[in-house]
Amino acid sequence: MNTEVKHFVLTPDGDVREFSADAAARVASGQFRLPEYASSRLRYVQISLDQSNGHEIRVQTGIACLRFDDHGAFSGAEAPEGDNDQVDPFEYDACIQWALRETGSSELVVH
């Protein structure tokens, strides 16, 4: 693995839904709709994993809020604003652990 990007949407009912890079690109370009999220604003976590330096894995994250129109088509992304837009530490850690599940690493050191 050199660099891999993982995409997670945090739903209003507390679920964490992962999208493949291809599915995320199709949603972002408008080629794929998510009718179950019509008229919604959802929290989004993007995790970039870089293992180009031996056994060390560098993790970078980004957080945004995604907007969907009345038909479930992606209509834009914004920075989190209020308390409802924040990703809590449990959700954040869960996304990172899920993203790291296929790295084969048995030890995790957080810096």
N, C-alpha and C. Protein backbone atom coordinates (compact mmCIF):
# COMPACT_ATOMS: atom_id res chain seq x y z
N MET A 1 0.85 -1.17 0.00
CA MET A 1 0.00 0.00 0.00
C MET A 1 0.89 1.23 0.00
N ASN A 2 0.69 2.13 -0.90
CA ASN A 2 1.34 3.44 -0.85
C ASN A 2 0.40 4.41 -0.17
N THR A 3 -0.53 5.00 -0.93
CA THR A 3 -1.53 5.87 -0.33
C THR A 3 -2.91 5.37 -0.71
N GLU A 4 -3.75 5.31 0.29
CA GLU A 4 -5.12 4.86 0.09
C GLU A 4 -6.04 5.83 0.82
N VAL A 5 -7.17 6.17 0.20
CA VAL A 5 -8.11 7.09 0.81
C VAL A 5 -9.41 6.34 1.10
N LYS A 6 -9.89 6.49 2.32
CA LYS A 6 -11.13 5.86 2.77
C LYS A 6 -12.17 6.95 3.01
N HIS A 7 -13.43 6.63 2.72
CA HIS A 7 -14.52 7.60 2.82
C HIS A 7 -15.62 7.05 3.72
N PHE A 8 -16.00 7.83 4.74
CA PHE A 8 -17.02 7.40 5.70
C PHE A 8 -18.08 8.49 5.85
N VAL A 9 -19.34 8.07 5.87
CA VAL A 9 -20.46 8.97 6.14
C VAL A 9 -21.07 8.53 7.46
N LEU A 10 -21.30 9.50 8.34
CA LEU A 10 -21.93 9.23 9.63
C LEU A 10 -23.39 9.62 9.51
N THR A 11 -24.27 8.63 9.65
CA THR A 11 -25.69 8.84 9.42
C THR A 11 -26.39 9.36 10.67
N PRO A 12 -27.57 9.96 10.49
CA PRO A 12 -28.32 10.48 11.64
C PRO A 12 -28.71 9.40 12.67
N ASP A 13 -28.84 8.13 12.23
CA ASP A 13 -29.20 7.08 13.18
C ASP A 13 -27.98 6.43 13.84
N GLY A 14 -26.81 7.03 13.69
CA GLY A 14 -25.63 6.56 14.39
C GLY A 14 -24.80 5.53 13.66
N ASP A 15 -25.13 5.25 12.41
CA ASP A 15 -24.35 4.28 11.64
C ASP A 15 -23.15 4.96 11.00
N VAL A 16 -22.13 4.16 10.75
CA VAL A 16 -20.97 4.59 9.98
C VAL A 16 -21.00 3.80 8.68
N ARG A 17 -21.06 4.51 7.57
CA ARG A 17 -21.15 3.85 6.26
C ARG A 17 -19.90 4.18 5.46
N GLU A 18 -19.19 3.13 5.03
CA GLU A 18 -17.98 3.33 4.23
C GLU A 18 -18.33 3.25 2.75
N PHE A 19 -17.69 4.12 1.98
CA PHE A 19 -17.84 4.11 0.53
C PHE A 19 -16.48 3.84 -0.10
N SER A 20 -16.46 3.02 -1.13
CA SER A 20 -15.21 2.80 -1.86
C SER A 20 -14.83 4.11 -2.55
N ALA A 21 -13.58 4.20 -2.97
CA ALA A 21 -13.12 5.40 -3.68
C ALA A 21 -13.95 5.62 -4.95
N ASP A 22 -14.27 4.54 -5.65
CA ASP A 22 -15.07 4.64 -6.87
C ASP A 22 -16.49 5.14 -6.57
N ALA A 23 -17.12 4.57 -5.56
CA ALA A 23 -18.48 4.99 -5.20
C ALA A 23 -18.49 6.44 -4.73
N ALA A 24 -17.50 6.84 -3.93
CA ALA A 24 -17.43 8.22 -3.45
C ALA A 24 -17.27 9.19 -4.63
N ALA A 25 -16.45 8.81 -5.60
CA ALA A 25 -16.26 9.67 -6.78
C ALA A 25 -17.56 9.78 -7.59
N ARG A 26 -18.28 8.67 -7.71
CA ARG A 26 -19.55 8.68 -8.45
C ARG A 26 -20.60 9.52 -7.74
N VAL A 27 -20.64 9.47 -6.42
CA VAL A 27 -21.58 10.30 -5.65
C VAL A 27 -21.20 11.77 -5.83
N ALA A 28 -19.92 12.09 -5.67
CA ALA A 28 -19.46 13.48 -5.76
C ALA A 28 -19.69 14.07 -7.14
N SER A 29 -19.60 13.26 -8.20
CA SER A 29 -19.78 13.77 -9.57
C SER A 29 -21.23 13.80 -10.00
N GLY A 30 -22.13 13.29 -9.15
CA GLY A 30 -23.55 13.29 -9.49
C GLY A 30 -24.00 12.09 -10.30
N GLN A 31 -23.11 11.14 -10.53
CA GLN A 31 -23.46 9.94 -11.30
C GLN A 31 -24.26 8.93 -10.48
N PHE A 32 -24.20 9.06 -9.16
CA PHE A 32 -24.86 8.11 -8.28
C PHE A 32 -25.58 8.87 -7.18
N ARG A 33 -26.86 8.60 -7.01
CA ARG A 33 -27.65 9.27 -5.98
C ARG A 33 -27.82 8.36 -4.78
N LEU A 34 -28.06 8.98 -3.64
CA LEU A 34 -28.34 8.26 -2.40
C LEU A 34 -29.70 8.72 -1.89
N PRO A 35 -30.79 8.16 -2.44
CA PRO A 35 -32.13 8.63 -2.08
C PRO A 35 -32.44 8.51 -0.59
N GLU A 36 -31.77 7.59 0.10
CA GLU A 36 -32.00 7.45 1.54
C GLU A 36 -31.51 8.67 2.32
N TYR A 37 -30.69 9.52 1.68
CA TYR A 37 -30.19 10.74 2.32
C TYR A 37 -30.75 12.01 1.68
N ALA A 38 -31.88 11.88 0.98
CA ALA A 38 -32.51 13.06 0.35
C ALA A 38 -32.77 14.13 1.38
N SER A 39 -32.50 15.37 1.01
CA SER A 39 -32.71 16.55 1.86
C SER A 39 -31.95 16.46 3.19
N SER A 40 -30.78 15.85 3.17
CA SER A 40 -30.01 15.67 4.40
C SER A 40 -28.69 16.41 4.36
N ARG A 41 -28.15 16.60 5.54
CA ARG A 41 -26.80 17.12 5.74
C ARG A 41 -26.12 16.09 6.64
N LEU A 42 -25.07 15.45 6.11
CA LEU A 42 -24.42 14.36 6.84
C LEU A 42 -22.96 14.68 7.11
N ARG A 43 -22.47 14.16 8.22
CA ARG A 43 -21.06 14.32 8.55
C ARG A 43 -20.24 13.31 7.76
N TYR A 44 -19.06 13.73 7.34
CA TYR A 44 -18.20 12.93 6.46
C TYR A 44 -16.78 12.93 7.02
N VAL A 45 -16.15 11.77 7.03
CA VAL A 45 -14.76 11.64 7.47
C VAL A 45 -13.98 11.01 6.32
N GLN A 46 -12.92 11.68 5.91
CA GLN A 46 -12.02 11.16 4.88
C GLN A 46 -10.70 10.84 5.55
N ILE A 47 -10.21 9.62 5.33
CA ILE A 47 -8.96 9.18 5.95
C ILE A 47 -7.99 8.76 4.86
N SER A 48 -6.82 9.35 4.90
CA SER A 48 -5.75 9.02 3.96
C SER A 48 -4.69 8.22 4.71
N LEU A 49 -4.39 7.03 4.19
CA LEU A 49 -3.38 6.16 4.79
C LEU A 49 -2.18 6.11 3.85
N ASP A 50 -1.01 6.43 4.37
CA ASP A 50 0.21 6.41 3.56
C ASP A 50 1.23 5.51 4.23
N GLN A 51 1.59 4.43 3.54
CA GLN A 51 2.57 3.48 4.08
C GLN A 51 3.76 3.38 3.13
N SER A 52 4.21 4.50 2.60
CA SER A 52 5.33 4.50 1.67
C SER A 52 6.68 4.50 2.38
N ASN A 53 6.68 4.62 3.71
CA ASN A 53 7.91 4.69 4.48
C ASN A 53 8.05 3.44 5.35
N GLY A 54 8.27 2.29 4.73
CA GLY A 54 8.48 1.06 5.50
C GLY A 54 7.25 0.59 6.22
N HIS A 55 7.40 0.38 7.54
CA HIS A 55 6.31 -0.16 8.35
C HIS A 55 5.45 0.92 8.98
N GLU A 56 5.86 2.16 8.87
CA GLU A 56 5.10 3.25 9.46
C GLU A 56 3.91 3.61 8.58
N ILE A 57 2.76 3.82 9.18
CA ILE A 57 1.56 4.24 8.46
C ILE A 57 1.22 5.64 8.90
N ARG A 58 1.19 6.56 7.98
CA ARG A 58 0.80 7.94 8.29
C ARG A 58 -0.69 8.08 8.00
N VAL A 59 -1.41 8.65 8.96
CA VAL A 59 -2.85 8.82 8.84
C VAL A 59 -3.17 10.30 8.85
N GLN A 60 -3.90 10.75 7.83
CA GLN A 60 -4.39 12.12 7.77
C GLN A 60 -5.89 12.06 7.63
N THR A 61 -6.57 12.96 8.32
CA THR A 61 -8.02 12.95 8.27
C THR A 61 -8.56 14.32 7.88
N GLY A 62 -9.74 14.29 7.32
CA GLY A 62 -10.48 15.50 7.02
C GLY A 62 -11.94 15.27 7.37
N ILE A 63 -12.58 16.31 7.85
CA ILE A 63 -13.99 16.20 8.25
C ILE A 63 -14.77 17.30 7.55
N ALA A 64 -15.93 16.95 7.03
CA ALA A 64 -16.80 17.92 6.35
C ALA A 64 -18.25 17.52 6.58
N CYS A 65 -19.15 18.37 6.14
CA CYS A 65 -20.58 18.06 6.12
C CYS A 65 -21.02 18.05 4.67
N LEU A 66 -21.71 16.98 4.28
CA LEU A 66 -22.18 16.83 2.91
C LEU A 66 -23.66 17.16 2.85
N ARG A 67 -24.06 17.87 1.79
CA ARG A 67 -25.47 18.19 1.56
C ARG A 67 -25.99 17.36 0.39
N PHE A 68 -27.23 16.90 0.54
CA PHE A 68 -27.90 16.15 -0.52
C PHE A 68 -29.22 16.83 -0.83
N ASP A 69 -29.58 16.88 -2.11
CA ASP A 69 -30.82 17.55 -2.52
C ASP A 69 -32.03 16.64 -2.27
N ASP A 70 -33.19 17.08 -2.74
CA ASP A 70 -34.45 16.36 -2.51
C ASP A 70 -34.48 14.97 -3.14
N HIS A 71 -33.57 14.70 -4.08
CA HIS A 71 -33.53 13.40 -4.76
C HIS A 71 -32.36 12.54 -4.30
N GLY A 72 -31.57 13.05 -3.35
CA GLY A 72 -30.43 12.29 -2.85
C GLY A 72 -29.16 12.50 -3.65
N ALA A 73 -29.14 13.52 -4.52
CA ALA A 73 -27.92 13.84 -5.27
C ALA A 73 -27.04 14.75 -4.41
N PHE A 74 -25.75 14.52 -4.45
CA PHE A 74 -24.80 15.34 -3.71
C PHE A 74 -24.90 16.78 -4.22
N SER A 75 -25.01 17.74 -3.30
CA SER A 75 -25.14 19.13 -3.73
C SER A 75 -24.07 20.04 -3.14
N GLY A 76 -23.16 19.50 -2.34
CA GLY A 76 -22.06 20.33 -1.85
C GLY A 76 -21.51 19.85 -0.52
N ALA A 77 -20.35 20.40 -0.17
CA ALA A 77 -19.69 20.08 1.10
C ALA A 77 -19.32 21.38 1.79
N GLU A 78 -19.39 21.34 3.10
CA GLU A 78 -19.08 22.53 3.91
C GLU A 78 -18.31 22.10 5.15
N ALA A 79 -17.65 23.07 5.74
CA ALA A 79 -16.97 22.82 7.01
C ALA A 79 -18.02 22.63 8.10
N PRO A 80 -17.74 21.78 9.09
CA PRO A 80 -18.66 21.64 10.22
C PRO A 80 -18.84 22.97 10.93
N GLU A 81 -20.09 23.25 11.36
CA GLU A 81 -20.37 24.54 11.99
C GLU A 81 -20.73 24.41 13.47
N GLY A 82 -21.85 23.83 13.77
CA GLY A 82 -22.33 23.76 15.15
C GLY A 82 -22.00 22.44 15.81
N ASP A 83 -22.51 22.27 17.02
CA ASP A 83 -22.26 21.03 17.76
C ASP A 83 -22.78 19.79 17.03
N ASN A 84 -23.90 19.91 16.32
CA ASN A 84 -24.47 18.77 15.61
C ASN A 84 -23.60 18.31 14.44
N ASP A 85 -22.71 19.18 13.98
CA ASP A 85 -21.84 18.84 12.85
C ASP A 85 -20.53 18.18 13.27
N GLN A 86 -20.24 18.21 14.57
CA GLN A 86 -18.96 17.70 15.04
C GLN A 86 -18.95 16.17 15.06
N VAL A 87 -17.77 15.62 14.85
CA VAL A 87 -17.55 14.17 14.95
C VAL A 87 -16.97 13.93 16.34
N ASP A 88 -17.65 13.10 17.13
CA ASP A 88 -17.16 12.89 18.49
C ASP A 88 -15.95 11.93 18.47
N PRO A 89 -15.20 11.90 19.56
CA PRO A 89 -13.97 11.08 19.59
C PRO A 89 -14.22 9.59 19.31
N PHE A 90 -15.34 9.05 19.78
CA PHE A 90 -15.65 7.64 19.53
C PHE A 90 -15.84 7.39 18.04
N GLU A 91 -16.63 8.24 17.37
CA GLU A 91 -16.86 8.09 15.93
C GLU A 91 -15.55 8.23 15.15
N TYR A 92 -14.75 9.22 15.54
CA TYR A 92 -13.46 9.48 14.88
C TYR A 92 -12.55 8.25 15.00
N ASP A 93 -12.41 7.72 16.22
CA ASP A 93 -11.56 6.54 16.43
C ASP A 93 -12.11 5.32 15.68
N ALA A 94 -13.43 5.17 15.66
CA ALA A 94 -14.03 4.03 14.96
C ALA A 94 -13.71 4.09 13.47
N CYS A 95 -13.79 5.26 12.87
CA CYS A 95 -13.46 5.41 11.45
C CYS A 95 -11.99 5.08 11.19
N ILE A 96 -11.11 5.56 12.04
CA ILE A 96 -9.68 5.27 11.86
C ILE A 96 -9.40 3.79 12.03
N GLN A 97 -9.96 3.17 13.05
CA GLN A 97 -9.74 1.73 13.25
C GLN A 97 -10.29 0.93 12.07
N TRP A 98 -11.44 1.32 11.55
CA TRP A 98 -12.03 0.62 10.41
C TRP A 98 -11.15 0.78 9.18
N ALA A 99 -10.60 1.99 8.98
CA ALA A 99 -9.73 2.24 7.84
C ALA A 99 -8.44 1.43 7.94
N LEU A 100 -7.95 1.19 9.13
CA LEU A 100 -6.69 0.47 9.34
C LEU A 100 -6.86 -1.05 9.35
N ARG A 101 -8.07 -1.55 9.30
CA ARG A 101 -8.33 -2.98 9.49
C ARG A 101 -7.61 -3.87 8.49
N GLU A 102 -7.35 -3.38 7.28
CA GLU A 102 -6.72 -4.22 6.25
C GLU A 102 -5.22 -4.00 6.11
N THR A 103 -4.63 -3.21 6.99
CA THR A 103 -3.20 -2.93 6.86
C THR A 103 -2.33 -4.06 7.36
N GLY A 104 -2.90 -4.97 8.16
CA GLY A 104 -2.12 -6.06 8.70
C GLY A 104 -1.26 -5.67 9.87
N SER A 105 -1.43 -4.45 10.34
CA SER A 105 -0.65 -3.97 11.47
C SER A 105 -1.25 -4.48 12.78
N SER A 106 -0.43 -5.12 13.59
CA SER A 106 -0.92 -5.62 14.87
C SER A 106 -0.71 -4.60 15.99
N GLU A 107 0.13 -3.61 15.75
CA GLU A 107 0.38 -2.57 16.73
C GLU A 107 0.00 -1.22 16.16
N LEU A 108 -0.59 -0.41 16.99
CA LEU A 108 -0.97 0.94 16.59
C LEU A 108 -0.38 1.92 17.58
N VAL A 109 0.43 2.84 17.09
CA VAL A 109 1.02 3.87 17.93
C VAL A 109 0.47 5.20 17.48
N VAL A 110 -0.17 5.91 18.37
CA VAL A 110 -0.77 7.21 18.05
C VAL A 110 0.17 8.30 18.52
N HIS A 111 0.50 9.23 17.63
CA HIS A 111 1.38 10.35 17.97
C HIS A 111 0.56 11.61 18.09
